[in-house]
Amino acid sequence: MGIVAWIVLGLVAGAIAKILLPGRDPGGLIVTTLIGIAGAFVGGWLSAKLLHRTIGNHFFDLATWGAAIAGSLVLLVAYRILFGNSRD
């Protein structure tokens, strides 16, 4: 999968993570989207390194999507813990 496919996957994974973890984010939509993209990269890398699960070359591989969504959720939770709800 190319870099553009990972960015698209990250956008969708970030949106899914946002749906699974509703609430107001400190950074808004743009930061949440960037966290989704970063989460896709981190989730894929961790899946390959720690779980010894090679990331498929196909865009619609279920394991790839799971790793991307899990990475997005982890980064979104970490971001909320670190920066709190500054939009009050």
PDB file of N, CA and C in Angstrom:
ATOM      1  N   MET A   1       0.839  -1.171   0.000  1.00  0.00           N
ATOM      2  CA  MET A   1       0.000   0.000   0.000  1.00  0.00           C
ATOM      3  C   MET A   1       0.884   1.234   0.000  1.00  0.00           C
ATOM      4  N   GLY A   2       0.495   2.208  -0.755  1.00  0.00           N
ATOM      5  CA  GLY A   2       1.264   3.429  -0.850  1.00  0.00           C
ATOM      6  C   GLY A   2       0.910   4.416   0.246  1.00  0.00           C
ATOM      7  N   ILE A   3       1.633   5.506   0.277  1.00  0.00           N
ATOM      8  CA  ILE A   3       1.446   6.526   1.304  1.00  0.00           C
ATOM      9  C   ILE A   3       0.069   7.175   1.206  1.00  0.00           C
ATOM     10  N   VAL A   4      -0.426   7.380   0.002  1.00  0.00           N
ATOM     11  CA  VAL A   4      -1.749   7.988  -0.166  1.00  0.00           C
ATOM     12  C   VAL A   4      -2.838   7.065   0.376  1.00  0.00           C
ATOM     13  N   ALA A   5      -2.686   5.772   0.155  1.00  0.00           N
ATOM     14  CA  ALA A   5      -3.655   4.811   0.687  1.00  0.00           C
ATOM     15  C   ALA A   5      -3.639   4.823   2.211  1.00  0.00           C
ATOM     16  N   TRP A   6      -2.465   4.949   2.827  1.00  0.00           N
ATOM     17  CA  TRP A   6      -2.379   5.013   4.285  1.00  0.00           C
ATOM     18  C   TRP A   6      -3.020   6.292   4.814  1.00  0.00           C
ATOM     19  N   ILE A   7      -2.889   7.389   4.094  1.00  0.00           N
ATOM     20  CA  ILE A   7      -3.521   8.646   4.515  1.00  0.00           C
ATOM     21  C   ILE A   7      -5.031   8.524   4.436  1.00  0.00           C
ATOM     22  N   VAL A   8      -5.537   7.959   3.339  1.00  0.00           N
ATOM     23  CA  VAL A   8      -6.985   7.753   3.211  1.00  0.00           C
ATOM     24  C   VAL A   8      -7.478   6.805   4.294  1.00  0.00           C
ATOM     25  N   LEU A   9      -6.747   5.735   4.520  1.00  0.00           N
ATOM     26  CA  LEU A   9      -7.092   4.790   5.583  1.00  0.00           C
ATOM     27  C   LEU A   9      -7.097   5.489   6.932  1.00  0.00           C
ATOM     28  N   GLY A  10      -6.133   6.358   7.170  1.00  0.00           N
ATOM     29  CA  GLY A  10      -6.068   7.107   8.419  1.00  0.00           C
ATOM     30  C   GLY A  10      -7.232   8.053   8.598  1.00  0.00           C
ATOM     31  N   LEU A  11      -7.662   8.686   7.519  1.00  0.00           N
ATOM     32  CA  LEU A  11      -8.821   9.573   7.595  1.00  0.00           C
ATOM     33  C   LEU A  11     -10.074   8.806   8.002  1.00  0.00           C
ATOM     34  N   VAL A  12     -10.280   7.681   7.366  1.00  0.00           N
ATOM     35  CA  VAL A  12     -11.458   6.868   7.670  1.00  0.00           C
ATOM     36  C   VAL A  12     -11.333   6.262   9.072  1.00  0.00           C
ATOM     37  N   ALA A  13     -10.148   5.786   9.430  1.00  0.00           N
ATOM     38  CA  ALA A  13      -9.938   5.202  10.756  1.00  0.00           C
ATOM     39  C   ALA A  13     -10.135   6.260  11.842  1.00  0.00           C
ATOM     40  N   GLY A  14      -9.691   7.472  11.594  1.00  0.00           N
ATOM     41  CA  GLY A  14      -9.912   8.563  12.549  1.00  0.00           C
ATOM     42  C   GLY A  14     -11.386   8.877  12.727  1.00  0.00           C
ATOM     43  N   ALA A  15     -12.131   8.848  11.628  1.00  0.00           N
ATOM     44  CA  ALA A  15     -13.576   9.080  11.720  1.00  0.00           C
ATOM     45  C   ALA A  15     -14.255   7.962  12.503  1.00  0.00           C
ATOM     46  N   ILE A  16     -13.859   6.729  12.261  1.00  0.00           N
ATOM     47  CA  ILE A  16     -14.431   5.597  12.993  1.00  0.00           C
ATOM     48  C   ILE A  16     -14.064   5.686  14.469  1.00  0.00           C
ATOM     49  N   ALA A  17     -12.826   6.045  14.769  1.00  0.00           N
ATOM     50  CA  ALA A  17     -12.403   6.200  16.163  1.00  0.00           C
ATOM     51  C   ALA A  17     -13.198   7.304  16.846  1.00  0.00           C
ATOM     52  N   LYS A  18     -13.477   8.368  16.136  1.00  0.00           N
ATOM     53  CA  LYS A  18     -14.270   9.474  16.684  1.00  0.00           C
ATOM     54  C   LYS A  18     -15.699   9.025  16.962  1.00  0.00           C
ATOM     55  N   ILE A  19     -16.250   8.189  16.096  1.00  0.00           N
ATOM     56  CA  ILE A  19     -17.602   7.660  16.315  1.00  0.00           C
ATOM     57  C   ILE A  19     -17.616   6.735  17.530  1.00  0.00           C
ATOM     58  N   LEU A  20     -16.570   5.909  17.665  1.00  0.00           N
ATOM     59  CA  LEU A  20     -16.487   4.982  18.794  1.00  0.00           C
ATOM     60  C   LEU A  20     -16.193   5.687  20.111  1.00  0.00           C
ATOM     61  N   LEU A  21     -15.578   6.867  20.049  1.00  0.00           N
ATOM     62  CA  LEU A  21     -15.209   7.621  21.234  1.00  0.00           C
ATOM     63  C   LEU A  21     -15.748   9.048  21.098  1.00  0.00           C
ATOM     64  N   PRO A  22     -17.058   9.205  21.277  1.00  0.00           N
ATOM     65  CA  PRO A  22     -17.650  10.530  21.065  1.00  0.00           C
ATOM     66  C   PRO A  22     -17.248  11.522  22.152  1.00  0.00           C
ATOM     67  N   GLY A  23     -17.504  12.759  21.903  1.00  0.00           N
ATOM     68  CA  GLY A  23     -17.186  13.816  22.855  1.00  0.00           C
ATOM     69  C   GLY A  23     -16.409  14.919  22.173  1.00  0.00           C
ATOM     70  N   ARG A  24     -16.200  15.976  22.915  1.00  0.00           N
ATOM     71  CA  ARG A  24     -15.474  17.119  22.361  1.00  0.00           C
ATOM     72  C   ARG A  24     -13.984  16.900  22.518  1.00  0.00           C
ATOM     73  N   ASP A  25     -13.285  17.092  21.446  1.00  0.00           N
ATOM     74  CA  ASP A  25     -11.836  16.955  21.465  1.00  0.00           C
ATOM     75  C   ASP A  25     -11.201  18.326  21.632  1.00  0.00           C
ATOM     76  N   PRO A  26     -10.063  18.387  22.320  1.00  0.00           N
ATOM     77  CA  PRO A  26      -9.399  19.673  22.529  1.00  0.00           C
ATOM     78  C   PRO A  26      -8.990  20.371  21.241  1.00  0.00           C
ATOM     79  N   GLY A  27      -8.670  19.625  20.189  1.00  0.00           N
ATOM     80  CA  GLY A  27      -8.154  20.241  18.980  1.00  0.00           C
ATOM     81  C   GLY A  27      -9.161  20.425  17.867  1.00  0.00           C
ATOM     82  N   GLY A  28     -10.331  19.865  17.985  1.00  0.00           N
ATOM     83  CA  GLY A  28     -11.329  19.993  16.947  1.00  0.00           C
ATOM     84  C   GLY A  28     -11.152  18.971  15.837  1.00  0.00           C
ATOM     85  N   LEU A  29     -11.833  19.215  14.741  1.00  0.00           N
ATOM     86  CA  LEU A  29     -11.895  18.268  13.631  1.00  0.00           C
ATOM     87  C   LEU A  29     -10.539  18.055  12.954  1.00  0.00           C
ATOM     88  N   ILE A  30      -9.787  19.108  12.752  1.00  0.00           N
ATOM     89  CA  ILE A  30      -8.521  18.989  12.029  1.00  0.00           C
ATOM     90  C   ILE A  30      -7.510  18.165  12.830  1.00  0.00           C
ATOM     91  N   VAL A  31      -7.395  18.437  14.115  1.00  0.00           N
ATOM     92  CA  VAL A  31      -6.452  17.687  14.948  1.00  0.00           C
ATOM     93  C   VAL A  31      -6.897  16.231  15.064  1.00  0.00           C
ATOM     94  N   THR A  32      -8.205  16.007  15.199  1.00  0.00           N
ATOM     95  CA  THR A  32      -8.719  14.641  15.267  1.00  0.00           C
ATOM     96  C   THR A  32      -8.411  13.884  13.979  1.00  0.00           C
ATOM     97  N   THR A  33      -8.515  14.546  12.849  1.00  0.00           N
ATOM     98  CA  THR A  33      -8.187  13.932  11.567  1.00  0.00           C
ATOM     99  C   THR A  33      -6.699  13.590  11.487  1.00  0.00           C
ATOM    100  N   LEU A  34      -5.863  14.497  11.925  1.00  0.00           N
ATOM    101  CA  LEU A  34      -4.413  14.236  11.929  1.00  0.00           C
ATOM    102  C   LEU A  34      -4.065  13.101  12.885  1.00  0.00           C
ATOM    103  N   ILE A  35      -4.759  13.026  14.007  1.00  0.00           N
ATOM    104  CA  ILE A  35      -4.548  11.921  14.942  1.00  0.00           C
ATOM    105  C   ILE A  35      -4.952  10.608  14.289  1.00  0.00           C
ATOM    106  N   GLY A  36      -6.019  10.619  13.501  1.00  0.00           N
ATOM    107  CA  GLY A  36      -6.426   9.415  12.780  1.00  0.00           C
ATOM    108  C   GLY A  36      -5.381   8.947  11.788  1.00  0.00           C
ATOM    109  N   ILE A  37      -4.795   9.872  11.070  1.00  0.00           N
ATOM    110  CA  ILE A  37      -3.742   9.519  10.111  1.00  0.00           C
ATOM    111  C   ILE A  37      -2.525   8.968  10.849  1.00  0.00           C
ATOM    112  N   ALA A  38      -2.112   9.660  11.916  1.00  0.00           N
ATOM    113  CA  ALA A  38      -0.971   9.177  12.697  1.00  0.00           C
ATOM    114  C   ALA A  38      -1.280   7.827  13.332  1.00  0.00           C
ATOM    115  N   GLY A  39      -2.526   7.643  13.774  1.00  0.00           N
ATOM    116  CA  GLY A  39      -2.928   6.375  14.377  1.00  0.00           C
ATOM    117  C   GLY A  39      -2.860   5.222  13.402  1.00  0.00           C
ATOM    118  N   ALA A  40      -3.178   5.470  12.158  1.00  0.00           N
ATOM    119  CA  ALA A  40      -3.080   4.422  11.139  1.00  0.00           C
ATOM    120  C   ALA A  40      -1.631   3.989  10.958  1.00  0.00           C
ATOM    121  N   PHE A  41      -0.728   4.958  10.903  1.00  0.00           N
ATOM    122  CA  PHE A  41       0.692   4.626  10.768  1.00  0.00           C
ATOM    123  C   PHE A  41       1.214   3.903  12.011  1.00  0.00           C
ATOM    124  N   VAL A  42       0.876   4.421  13.189  1.00  0.00           N
ATOM    125  CA  VAL A  42       1.354   3.814  14.436  1.00  0.00           C
ATOM    126  C   VAL A  42       0.767   2.416  14.614  1.00  0.00           C
ATOM    127  N   GLY A  43      -0.534   2.271  14.365  1.00  0.00           N
ATOM    128  CA  GLY A  43      -1.168   0.965  14.501  1.00  0.00           C
ATOM    129  C   GLY A  43      -0.585  -0.063  13.548  1.00  0.00           C
ATOM    130  N   GLY A  44      -0.327   0.330  12.325  1.00  0.00           N
ATOM    131  CA  GLY A  44       0.277  -0.581  11.361  1.00  0.00           C
ATOM    132  C   GLY A  44       1.692  -0.957  11.738  1.00  0.00           C
ATOM    133  N   TRP A  45       2.453   0.026  12.208  1.00  0.00           N
ATOM    134  CA  TRP A  45       3.837  -0.247  12.607  1.00  0.00           C
ATOM    135  C   TRP A  45       3.891  -1.161  13.823  1.00  0.00           C
ATOM    136  N   LEU A  46       3.051  -0.873  14.839  1.00  0.00           N
ATOM    137  CA  LEU A  46       3.042  -1.710  16.034  1.00  0.00           C
ATOM    138  C   LEU A  46       2.569  -3.128  15.727  1.00  0.00           C
ATOM    139  N   SER A  47       1.602  -3.234  14.850  1.00  0.00           N
ATOM    140  CA  SER A  47       1.111  -4.552  14.460  1.00  0.00           C
ATOM    141  C   SER A  47       2.212  -5.365  13.795  1.00  0.00           C
ATOM    142  N   ALA A  48       2.987  -4.720  12.967  1.00  0.00           N
ATOM    143  CA  ALA A  48       4.074  -5.423  12.282  1.00  0.00           C
ATOM    144  C   ALA A  48       5.221  -5.762  13.233  1.00  0.00           C
ATOM    145  N   LYS A  49       5.549  -4.865  14.139  1.00  0.00           N
ATOM    146  CA  LYS A  49       6.710  -5.063  15.016  1.00  0.00           C
ATOM    147  C   LYS A  49       6.400  -5.955  16.219  1.00  0.00           C
ATOM    148  N   LEU A  50       5.310  -5.683  16.910  1.00  0.00           N
ATOM    149  CA  LEU A  50       5.029  -6.391  18.161  1.00  0.00           C
ATOM    150  C   LEU A  50       4.253  -7.689  17.961  1.00  0.00           C
ATOM    151  N   LEU A  51       3.332  -7.676  17.026  1.00  0.00           N
ATOM    152  CA  LEU A  51       2.505  -8.862  16.809  1.00  0.00           C
ATOM    153  C   LEU A  51       3.023  -9.737  15.673  1.00  0.00           C
ATOM    154  N   HIS A  52       4.075  -9.290  15.034  1.00  0.00           N
ATOM    155  CA  HIS A  52       4.655 -10.008  13.892  1.00  0.00           C
ATOM    156  C   HIS A  52       3.598 -10.289  12.833  1.00  0.00           C
ATOM    157  N   ARG A  53       2.685  -9.353  12.667  1.00  0.00           N
ATOM    158  CA  ARG A  53       1.608  -9.465  11.673  1.00  0.00           C
ATOM    159  C   ARG A  53       1.948  -8.515  10.548  1.00  0.00           C
ATOM    160  N   THR A  54       2.296  -9.069   9.419  1.00  0.00           N
ATOM    161  CA  THR A  54       2.622  -8.207   8.286  1.00  0.00           C
ATOM    162  C   THR A  54       1.357  -7.513   7.804  1.00  0.00           C
ATOM    163  N   ILE A  55       1.516  -6.269   7.473  1.00  0.00           N
ATOM    164  CA  ILE A  55       0.396  -5.481   6.976  1.00  0.00           C
ATOM    165  C   ILE A  55       0.214  -5.811   5.508  1.00  0.00           C
ATOM    166  N   GLY A  56      -1.016  -6.129   5.149  1.00  0.00           N
ATOM    167  CA  GLY A  56      -1.308  -6.536   3.782  1.00  0.00           C
ATOM    168  C   GLY A  56      -1.119  -5.416   2.777  1.00  0.00           C
ATOM    169  N   ASN A  57      -0.921  -5.817   1.567  1.00  0.00           N
ATOM    170  CA  ASN A  57      -0.774  -4.841   0.496  1.00  0.00           C
ATOM    171  C   ASN A  57      -2.123  -4.436  -0.077  1.00  0.00           C
ATOM    172  N   HIS A  58      -3.183  -5.016   0.445  1.00  0.00           N
ATOM    173  CA  HIS A  58      -4.519  -4.709  -0.048  1.00  0.00           C
ATOM    174  C   HIS A  58      -5.182  -3.694   0.864  1.00  0.00           C
ATOM    175  N   PHE A  59      -5.874  -2.753   0.262  1.00  0.00           N
ATOM    176  CA  PHE A  59      -6.513  -1.679   1.011  1.00  0.00           C
ATOM    177  C   PHE A  59      -7.625  -2.210   1.899  1.00  0.00           C
ATOM    178  N   PHE A  60      -8.300  -3.263   1.499  1.00  0.00           N
ATOM    179  CA  PHE A  60      -9.455  -3.758   2.238  1.00  0.00           C
ATOM    180  C   PHE A  60      -9.125  -4.961   3.120  1.00  0.00           C
ATOM    181  N   ASP A  61      -7.901  -5.046   3.609  1.00  0.00           N
ATOM    182  CA  ASP A  61      -7.505  -6.109   4.517  1.00  0.00           C
ATOM    183  C   ASP A  61      -8.039  -5.790   5.915  1.00  0.00           C
ATOM    184  N   LEU A  62      -8.780  -6.722   6.515  1.00  0.00           N
ATOM    185  CA  LEU A  62      -9.424  -6.493   7.804  1.00  0.00           C
ATOM    186  C   LEU A  62      -8.408  -6.233   8.908  1.00  0.00           C
ATOM    187  N   ALA A  63      -7.294  -6.929   8.912  1.00  0.00           N
ATOM    188  CA  ALA A  63      -6.267  -6.725   9.938  1.00  0.00           C
ATOM    189  C   ALA A  63      -5.648  -5.326   9.836  1.00  0.00           C
ATOM    190  N   THR A  64      -5.474  -4.849   8.633  1.00  0.00           N
ATOM    191  CA  THR A  64      -4.926  -3.505   8.436  1.00  0.00           C
ATOM    192  C   THR A  64      -5.878  -2.462   8.988  1.00  0.00           C
ATOM    193  N   TRP A  65      -7.153  -2.623   8.697  1.00  0.00           N
ATOM    194  CA  TRP A  65      -8.162  -1.689   9.200  1.00  0.00           C
ATOM    195  C   TRP A  65      -8.248  -1.739  10.713  1.00  0.00           C
ATOM    196  N   GLY A  66      -8.192  -2.948  11.271  1.00  0.00           N
ATOM    197  CA  GLY A  66      -8.240  -3.084  12.732  1.00  0.00           C
ATOM    198  C   GLY A  66      -7.067  -2.401  13.399  1.00  0.00           C
ATOM    199  N   ALA A  67      -5.881  -2.579  12.851  1.00  0.00           N
ATOM    200  CA  ALA A  67      -4.687  -1.944  13.409  1.00  0.00           C
ATOM    201  C   ALA A  67      -4.781  -0.425  13.298  1.00  0.00           C
ATOM    202  N   ALA A  68      -5.280   0.071  12.183  1.00  0.00           N
ATOM    203  CA  ALA A  68      -5.396   1.517  11.990  1.00  0.00           C
ATOM    204  C   ALA A  68      -6.409   2.124  12.955  1.00  0.00           C
ATOM    205  N   ILE A  69      -7.543   1.466  13.126  1.00  0.00           N
ATOM    206  CA  ILE A  69      -8.567   1.980  14.039  1.00  0.00           C
ATOM    207  C   ILE A  69      -8.078   1.905  15.482  1.00  0.00           C
ATOM    208  N   ALA A  70      -7.433   0.805  15.849  1.00  0.00           N
ATOM    209  CA  ALA A  70      -6.903   0.675  17.207  1.00  0.00           C
ATOM    210  C   ALA A  70      -5.840   1.743  17.480  1.00  0.00           C
ATOM    211  N   GLY A  71      -4.960   1.974  16.530  1.00  0.00           N
ATOM    212  CA  GLY A  71      -3.950   3.018  16.696  1.00  0.00           C
ATOM    213  C   GLY A  71      -4.573   4.396  16.833  1.00  0.00           C
ATOM    214  N   SER A  72      -5.629   4.663  16.070  1.00  0.00           N
ATOM    215  CA  SER A  72      -6.327   5.945  16.159  1.00  0.00           C
ATOM    216  C   SER A  72      -6.998   6.111  17.514  1.00  0.00           C
ATOM    217  N   LEU A  73      -7.625   5.045  18.010  1.00  0.00           N
ATOM    218  CA  LEU A  73      -8.266   5.104  19.322  1.00  0.00           C
ATOM    219  C   LEU A  73      -7.245   5.372  20.425  1.00  0.00           C
ATOM    220  N   VAL A  74      -6.111   4.684  20.367  1.00  0.00           N
ATOM    221  CA  VAL A  74      -5.081   4.862  21.389  1.00  0.00           C
ATOM    222  C   VAL A  74      -4.550   6.293  21.374  1.00  0.00           C
ATOM    223  N   LEU A  75      -4.263   6.815  20.203  1.00  0.00           N
ATOM    224  CA  LEU A  75      -3.742   8.183  20.128  1.00  0.00           C
ATOM    225  C   LEU A  75      -4.793   9.211  20.531  1.00  0.00           C
ATOM    226  N   LEU A  76      -6.059   8.974  20.191  1.00  0.00           N
ATOM    227  CA  LEU A  76      -7.122   9.899  20.575  1.00  0.00           C
ATOM    228  C   LEU A  76      -7.311   9.919  22.090  1.00  0.00           C
ATOM    229  N   VAL A  77      -7.288   8.760  22.716  1.00  0.00           N
ATOM    230  CA  VAL A  77      -7.403   8.695  24.181  1.00  0.00           C
ATOM    231  C   VAL A  77      -6.201   9.377  24.828  1.00  0.00           C
ATOM    232  N   ALA A  78      -5.005   9.106  24.331  1.00  0.00           N
ATOM    233  CA  ALA A  78      -3.798   9.731  24.882  1.00  0.00           C
ATOM    234  C   ALA A  78      -3.848  11.251  24.726  1.00  0.00           C
ATOM    235  N   TYR A  79      -4.331  11.714  23.591  1.00  0.00           N
ATOM    236  CA  TYR A  79      -4.442  13.159  23.356  1.00  0.00           C
ATOM    237  C   TYR A  79      -5.428  13.789  24.328  1.00  0.00           C
ATOM    238  N   ARG A  80      -6.555  13.119  24.550  1.00  0.00           N
ATOM    239  CA  ARG A  80      -7.540  13.650  25.500  1.00  0.00           C
ATOM    240  C   ARG A  80      -6.997  13.665  26.922  1.00  0.00           C
ATOM    241  N   ILE A  81      -6.232  12.647  27.296  1.00  0.00           N
ATOM    242  CA  ILE A  81      -5.654  12.606  28.638  1.00  0.00           C
ATOM    243  C   ILE A  81      -4.618  13.706  28.813  1.00  0.00           C
ATOM    244  N   LEU A  82      -3.777  13.897  27.812  1.00  0.00           N
ATOM    245  CA  LEU A  82      -2.712  14.892  27.927  1.00  0.00           C
ATOM    246  C   LEU A  82      -3.203  16.333  27.878  1.00  0.00           C
ATOM    247  N   PHE A  83      -4.162  16.612  27.004  1.00  0.00           N
ATOM    248  CA  PHE A  83      -4.564  17.988  26.787  1.00  0.00           C
ATOM    249  C   PHE A  83      -5.938  18.326  27.335  1.00  0.00           C
ATOM    250  N   GLY A  84      -6.682  17.338  27.796  1.00  0.00           N
ATOM    251  CA  GLY A  84      -7.975  17.585  28.424  1.00  0.00           C
ATOM    252  C   GLY A  84      -8.965  18.263  27.511  1.00  0.00           C
ATOM    253  N   ASN A  85      -9.984  18.788  28.104  1.00  0.00           N
ATOM    254  CA  ASN A  85     -11.018  19.469  27.342  1.00  0.00           C
ATOM    255  C   ASN A  85     -10.805  20.971  27.474  1.00  0.00           C
ATOM    256  N   SER A  86      -9.973  21.513  26.615  1.00  0.00           N
ATOM    257  CA  SER A  86      -9.643  22.937  26.675  1.00  0.00           C
ATOM    258  C   SER A  86     -10.655  23.802  25.927  1.00  0.00           C
ATOM    259  N   ARG A  87     -11.720  23.204  25.406  1.00  0.00           N
ATOM    260  CA  ARG A  87     -12.702  23.966  24.634  1.00  0.00           C
ATOM    261  C   ARG A  87     -13.904  24.363  25.463  1.00  0.00           C
ATOM    262  N   ASP A  88     -13.807  24.362  26.761  1.00  0.00           N
ATOM    263  CA  ASP A  88     -14.928  24.760  27.624  1.00  0.00           C
ATOM    264  C   ASP A  88     -15.181  26.237  27.543  1.00  0.00           C
TER     265      ASP A  88
END
